[in-house]
């Protein structure tokens, strides 16, 4: 499965692995304790302060999409309630 159709200025493709950076523009946030079944999967990284109202992309097959946020991002948490 490969995500396409996103603006490469907004996001970059990467492989999920422990110890990798969570965002494309800073190394202040590190991904840790990834379940083994998710390691090695494709992920899209955006900027830490992503300010767009939405983000779209296409996938080449059926997919489950996980969205990870920084725990302190109250605005997104409130939006999802």
C-alpha atoms as a PDB file:
ATOM      1  CA  UNK A   1       0.000   0.000   0.000  1.00  0.00           C
ATOM      2  CA  UNK A   2       1.382   3.370  -0.977  1.00  0.00           C
ATOM      3  CA  UNK A   3      -0.165   6.735  -0.129  1.00  0.00           C
ATOM      4  CA  UNK A   4      -0.268   9.181  -3.059  1.00  0.00           C
ATOM      5  CA  UNK A   5      -2.041  12.399  -3.957  1.00  0.00           C
ATOM      6  CA  UNK A   6      -0.701  14.472  -1.074  1.00  0.00           C
ATOM      7  CA  UNK A   7       1.301  17.660  -1.403  1.00  0.00           C
ATOM      8  CA  UNK A   8       4.962  16.794  -0.797  1.00  0.00           C
ATOM      9  CA  UNK A   9       5.437  20.193   0.835  1.00  0.00           C
ATOM     10  CA  UNK A  10       2.931  19.118   3.503  1.00  0.00           C
ATOM     11  CA  UNK A  11       4.079  15.555   4.178  1.00  0.00           C
ATOM     12  CA  UNK A  12       6.780  12.994   3.530  1.00  0.00           C
ATOM     13  CA  UNK A  13       6.696   9.203   3.348  1.00  0.00           C
ATOM     14  CA  UNK A  14       8.661   7.206   5.890  1.00  0.00           C
ATOM     15  CA  UNK A  15       8.815   3.728   7.396  1.00  0.00           C
ATOM     16  CA  UNK A  16       7.519   3.410  10.962  1.00  0.00           C
ATOM     17  CA  UNK A  17      10.184   2.334  13.419  1.00  0.00           C
ATOM     18  CA  UNK A  18      11.055   2.889  17.067  1.00  0.00           C
ATOM     19  CA  UNK A  19      13.377   5.834  17.624  1.00  0.00           C
ATOM     20  CA  UNK A  20      12.315   7.717  14.497  1.00  0.00           C
ATOM     21  CA  UNK A  21      11.166  11.329  14.603  1.00  0.00           C
ATOM     22  CA  UNK A  22       7.422  11.919  14.726  1.00  0.00           C
ATOM     23  CA  UNK A  23       7.380  15.023  12.514  1.00  0.00           C
ATOM     24  CA  UNK A  24       9.179  15.945   9.330  1.00  0.00           C
ATOM     25  CA  UNK A  25      10.543  19.269  10.586  1.00  0.00           C
ATOM     26  CA  UNK A  26      11.762  18.624  14.141  1.00  0.00           C
ATOM     27  CA  UNK A  27      13.522  15.963  16.157  1.00  0.00           C
ATOM     28  CA  UNK A  28      11.927  17.032  19.461  1.00  0.00           C
ATOM     29  CA  UNK A  29       9.337  14.238  19.310  1.00  0.00           C
ATOM     30  CA  UNK A  30      10.473  10.626  19.033  1.00  0.00           C
ATOM     31  CA  UNK A  31       8.263   7.625  18.262  1.00  0.00           C
ATOM     32  CA  UNK A  32       8.642   4.885  20.874  1.00  0.00           C
ATOM     33  CA  UNK A  33       7.000   1.616  21.862  1.00  0.00           C
ATOM     34  CA  UNK A  34       5.500   0.880  18.450  1.00  0.00           C
ATOM     35  CA  UNK A  35       3.737  -2.493  18.474  1.00  0.00           C
ATOM     36  CA  UNK A  36       5.686  -5.062  16.462  1.00  0.00           C
ATOM     37  CA  UNK A  37       2.787  -5.511  14.021  1.00  0.00           C
ATOM     38  CA  UNK A  38       2.996  -1.802  13.060  1.00  0.00           C
ATOM     39  CA  UNK A  39       6.771  -1.557  12.711  1.00  0.00           C
ATOM     40  CA  UNK A  40       7.911  -1.319   9.112  1.00  0.00           C
ATOM     41  CA  UNK A  41       4.592   0.042   7.825  1.00  0.00           C
ATOM     42  CA  UNK A  42       4.349   3.177   5.720  1.00  0.00           C
ATOM     43  CA  UNK A  43       3.632   6.454   7.467  1.00  0.00           C
ATOM     44  CA  UNK A  44       3.179  10.059   6.444  1.00  0.00           C
ATOM     45  CA  UNK A  45       4.899  12.741   8.511  1.00  0.00           C
ATOM     46  CA  UNK A  46       3.661  16.318   8.581  1.00  0.00           C
ATOM     47  CA  UNK A  47       5.160  19.400  10.193  1.00  0.00           C
ATOM     48  CA  UNK A  48       4.816  19.748  13.958  1.00  0.00           C
ATOM     49  CA  UNK A  49       2.714  22.899  13.590  1.00  0.00           C
ATOM     50  CA  UNK A  50       0.560  21.704  10.679  1.00  0.00           C
ATOM     51  CA  UNK A  51      -2.019  24.457  10.225  1.00  0.00           C
ATOM     52  CA  UNK A  52      -4.201  23.317   7.352  1.00  0.00           C
ATOM     53  CA  UNK A  53      -7.875  22.593   8.031  1.00  0.00           C
ATOM     54  CA  UNK A  54      -7.618  19.163   6.412  1.00  0.00           C
ATOM     55  CA  UNK A  55      -5.187  16.722   4.867  1.00  0.00           C
ATOM     56  CA  UNK A  56      -6.026  14.377   2.002  1.00  0.00           C
ATOM     57  CA  UNK A  57      -4.278  11.480   0.312  1.00  0.00           C
ATOM     58  CA  UNK A  58      -5.111   8.374  -1.696  1.00  0.00           C
ATOM     59  CA  UNK A  59      -4.140   4.770  -1.026  1.00  0.00           C
ATOM     60  CA  UNK A  60      -3.606   1.979  -3.534  1.00  0.00           C
ATOM     61  CA  UNK A  61      -5.594  -0.602  -1.502  1.00  0.00           C
ATOM     62  CA  UNK A  62      -8.026  -0.790   1.399  1.00  0.00           C
ATOM     63  CA  UNK A  63      -6.285   0.557   4.485  1.00  0.00           C
ATOM     64  CA  UNK A  64      -6.700   1.309   8.155  1.00  0.00           C
ATOM     65  CA  UNK A  65      -5.420   4.806   8.910  1.00  0.00           C
ATOM     66  CA  UNK A  66      -4.106   5.692  12.365  1.00  0.00           C
ATOM     67  CA  UNK A  67      -3.730   9.345  13.355  1.00  0.00           C
ATOM     68  CA  UNK A  68      -1.151  10.133  16.008  1.00  0.00           C
ATOM     69  CA  UNK A  69      -1.151  13.422  17.875  1.00  0.00           C
ATOM     70  CA  UNK A  70       0.931  15.004  20.587  1.00  0.00           C
ATOM     71  CA  UNK A  71      -0.869  14.557  23.918  1.00  0.00           C
ATOM     72  CA  UNK A  72      -0.901  18.316  24.487  1.00  0.00           C
ATOM     73  CA  UNK A  73      -2.799  19.050  21.243  1.00  0.00           C
ATOM     74  CA  UNK A  74      -6.092  19.868  22.981  1.00  0.00           C
ATOM     75  CA  UNK A  75      -7.684  21.402  19.873  1.00  0.00           C
ATOM     76  CA  UNK A  76      -7.588  18.099  17.962  1.00  0.00           C
ATOM     77  CA  UNK A  77      -8.785  16.120  20.978  1.00  0.00           C
ATOM     78  CA  UNK A  78     -11.767  18.468  21.382  1.00  0.00           C
ATOM     79  CA  UNK A  79     -12.492  18.269  17.638  1.00  0.00           C
ATOM     80  CA  UNK A  80     -12.695  14.460  17.746  1.00  0.00           C
ATOM     81  CA  UNK A  81     -15.205  14.357  20.640  1.00  0.00           C
END
